[in-house]
């Protein structure tokens, strides 16, 4: 029976699941390696930074199933930083499961890098420099690899793709 929530044919997946697992693992390992290098070996930093950024900008997006839709007008507004939702170490700890004291130390480290800022109430926001840093080359590299990986998997999931051993 076909699962209506899956955006692919389960039979095609089953026929190519090992190849798909290898392709996905290659992408995720590459991504983790890039994060490891970018964050000087501290993989909690991108988790904390990502949660801060996503919490700050959630108003610019709406949920659509398992993904999000961008509110282009809000996201591209020149004064969008005024509308960022503040967050704090407690909220980030709750979202990630990372102990609050560890989150506080990671926030301090991110602040020293200039990637987050705290206001006088201790609320945390991602800084404009973090967007510039990651959207220039890092995200382009990841996006290129993600699209290539996605295309490879889509080709494996096509109904006319060969079954292994045929």
Protein backbone atom coordinates (compact mmCIF):
# COMPACT_ATOMS: atom_id res chain seq x y z
CA UNK A 1 0.00 0.00 0.00
CA UNK A 2 1.32 3.45 -0.91
CA UNK A 3 2.01 5.91 1.91
CA UNK A 4 0.43 9.26 0.89
CA UNK A 5 2.77 11.22 3.18
CA UNK A 6 5.91 10.04 1.36
CA UNK A 7 7.01 12.22 -1.56
CA UNK A 8 8.48 9.17 -3.32
CA UNK A 9 7.51 5.65 -4.35
CA UNK A 10 8.33 3.31 -1.44
CA UNK A 11 9.02 0.44 -3.86
CA UNK A 12 11.63 2.52 -5.69
CA UNK A 13 13.14 3.44 -2.35
CA UNK A 14 13.25 -0.23 -1.28
CA UNK A 15 14.89 -1.17 -4.59
CA UNK A 16 17.66 1.42 -4.08
CA UNK A 17 17.77 1.90 -0.31
CA UNK A 18 21.42 0.86 0.03
CA UNK A 19 22.57 3.25 -2.69
CA UNK A 20 20.41 6.02 -1.25
CA UNK A 21 21.86 5.40 2.22
CA UNK A 22 25.41 5.69 0.85
CA UNK A 23 24.62 8.91 -1.05
CA UNK A 24 22.91 10.45 1.98
CA UNK A 25 25.71 9.39 4.33
CA UNK A 26 28.30 10.91 1.99
CA UNK A 27 26.45 14.24 2.03
CA UNK A 28 25.92 14.30 5.80
CA UNK A 29 29.51 13.28 6.57
CA UNK A 30 30.79 15.99 4.23
CA UNK A 31 28.47 18.52 5.89
CA UNK A 32 29.57 17.50 9.39
CA UNK A 33 33.22 17.74 8.33
CA UNK A 34 32.67 21.24 6.96
CA UNK A 35 30.94 22.27 10.19
CA UNK A 36 33.73 20.72 12.24
CA UNK A 37 36.32 22.81 10.40
CA UNK A 38 34.24 25.99 10.32
CA UNK A 39 33.58 25.83 14.07
CA UNK A 40 37.08 24.73 15.07
CA UNK A 41 35.99 21.26 16.15
CA UNK A 42 33.09 22.35 18.36
CA UNK A 43 29.94 20.83 16.86
CA UNK A 44 27.76 22.29 19.61
CA UNK A 45 28.50 25.80 18.31
CA UNK A 46 26.61 25.40 15.01
CA UNK A 47 23.70 23.83 16.90
CA UNK A 48 23.50 26.77 19.31
CA UNK A 49 24.03 29.36 16.57
CA UNK A 50 21.44 27.68 14.35
CA UNK A 51 18.85 27.63 17.13
CA UNK A 52 19.51 31.28 17.92
CA UNK A 53 19.14 32.31 14.28
CA UNK A 54 16.05 30.20 13.68
CA UNK A 55 14.38 31.46 16.84
CA UNK A 56 15.22 35.05 15.87
CA UNK A 57 13.71 34.79 12.39
CA UNK A 58 10.76 32.44 12.84
CA UNK A 59 8.34 35.32 12.11
CA UNK A 60 9.64 35.49 8.55
CA UNK A 61 8.49 31.96 7.80
CA UNK A 62 5.37 29.86 7.99
CA UNK A 63 5.11 26.11 8.45
CA UNK A 64 3.97 24.07 5.49
CA UNK A 65 4.01 20.41 6.37
CA UNK A 66 7.56 19.45 7.32
CA UNK A 67 9.12 22.48 5.64
CA UNK A 68 8.83 26.25 5.79
CA UNK A 69 7.72 28.94 3.38
CA UNK A 70 9.51 32.26 3.31
CA UNK A 71 7.56 35.47 3.76
CA UNK A 72 9.70 37.27 1.15
CA UNK A 73 8.39 40.72 2.05
CA UNK A 74 9.33 40.37 5.73
CA UNK A 75 12.59 38.50 5.11
CA UNK A 76 13.88 41.08 2.62
CA UNK A 77 12.69 44.19 4.42
CA UNK A 78 15.52 46.68 5.12
CA UNK A 79 14.40 46.96 8.76
CA UNK A 80 13.93 43.20 9.32
CA UNK A 81 16.45 43.14 12.20
CA UNK A 82 13.99 45.26 14.24
CA UNK A 83 11.54 42.37 14.06
CA UNK A 84 13.85 39.60 15.26
CA UNK A 85 12.45 37.53 18.10
CA UNK A 86 14.86 37.49 21.06
CA UNK A 87 15.99 34.26 22.64
CA UNK A 88 18.08 33.23 25.64
CA UNK A 89 20.20 30.38 26.96
CA UNK A 90 17.24 28.72 28.64
CA UNK A 91 15.20 28.58 25.40
CA UNK A 92 18.17 27.28 23.43
CA UNK A 93 18.80 24.64 26.10
CA UNK A 94 15.15 23.57 25.93
CA UNK A 95 15.25 23.36 22.12
CA UNK A 96 18.51 21.40 21.91
CA UNK A 97 18.75 19.41 25.13
CA UNK A 98 22.18 20.96 25.73
CA UNK A 99 22.62 21.96 29.41
CA UNK A 100 21.92 25.66 30.01
CA UNK A 101 25.41 26.38 31.39
CA UNK A 102 26.97 24.80 28.30
CA UNK A 103 24.69 26.93 26.10
CA UNK A 104 25.77 30.05 28.01
CA UNK A 105 29.44 29.21 27.38
CA UNK A 106 28.74 28.59 23.68
CA UNK A 107 26.87 31.89 23.42
CA UNK A 108 29.87 33.66 24.98
CA UNK A 109 32.17 31.98 22.45
CA UNK A 110 29.88 32.98 19.57
CA UNK A 111 29.75 36.53 20.92
CA UNK A 112 33.57 36.69 20.94
CA UNK A 113 33.55 35.58 17.28
CA UNK A 114 31.10 38.42 16.56
CA UNK A 115 28.38 36.02 15.39
CA UNK A 116 25.83 36.81 18.12
CA UNK A 117 25.05 39.84 20.22
CA UNK A 118 23.38 40.13 23.61
CA UNK A 119 21.33 43.09 24.73
CA UNK A 120 21.31 44.49 28.27
CA UNK A 121 18.56 42.04 29.26
CA UNK A 122 20.66 39.06 28.18
CA UNK A 123 18.57 38.37 25.09
CA UNK A 124 20.55 36.88 22.23
CA UNK A 125 20.42 37.69 18.50
CA UNK A 126 22.52 36.56 15.58
CA UNK A 127 24.68 39.39 14.28
CA UNK A 128 24.64 40.77 10.72
CA UNK A 129 28.22 39.54 10.29
CA UNK A 130 27.21 35.89 10.73
CA UNK A 131 24.88 36.13 7.73
CA UNK A 132 27.61 37.69 5.63
CA UNK A 133 30.11 35.07 6.75
CA UNK A 134 27.97 32.04 5.95
CA UNK A 135 25.98 33.20 2.92
CA UNK A 136 29.02 34.09 0.81
CA UNK A 137 30.84 30.78 0.34
CA UNK A 138 29.90 28.29 3.04
CA UNK A 139 26.20 28.11 2.19
CA UNK A 140 26.93 28.13 -1.56
CA UNK A 141 29.17 25.10 -1.13
CA UNK A 142 26.62 23.26 1.01
CA UNK A 143 23.75 24.19 -1.33
CA UNK A 144 25.66 22.93 -4.34
CA UNK A 145 26.37 19.61 -2.64
CA UNK A 146 22.79 19.35 -1.34
CA UNK A 147 21.31 19.89 -4.80
CA UNK A 148 23.71 17.40 -6.36
CA UNK A 149 22.86 14.84 -3.67
CA UNK A 150 19.16 15.49 -4.13
CA UNK A 151 19.43 15.02 -7.91
CA UNK A 152 21.29 11.73 -7.45
CA UNK A 153 18.60 10.45 -5.08
CA UNK A 154 15.78 11.67 -7.34
CA UNK A 155 17.34 9.76 -10.23
CA UNK A 156 17.47 6.62 -8.11
CA UNK A 157 13.81 7.06 -7.17
CA UNK A 158 12.59 7.49 -10.76
CA UNK A 159 10.23 4.70 -11.77
CA UNK A 160 12.36 3.81 -14.77
CA UNK A 161 15.66 3.53 -12.86
CA UNK A 162 17.22 0.07 -12.99
CA UNK A 163 16.78 -2.25 -10.09
CA UNK A 164 20.07 -3.51 -8.62
CA UNK A 165 21.32 -6.65 -10.32
CA UNK A 166 19.29 -6.20 -13.52
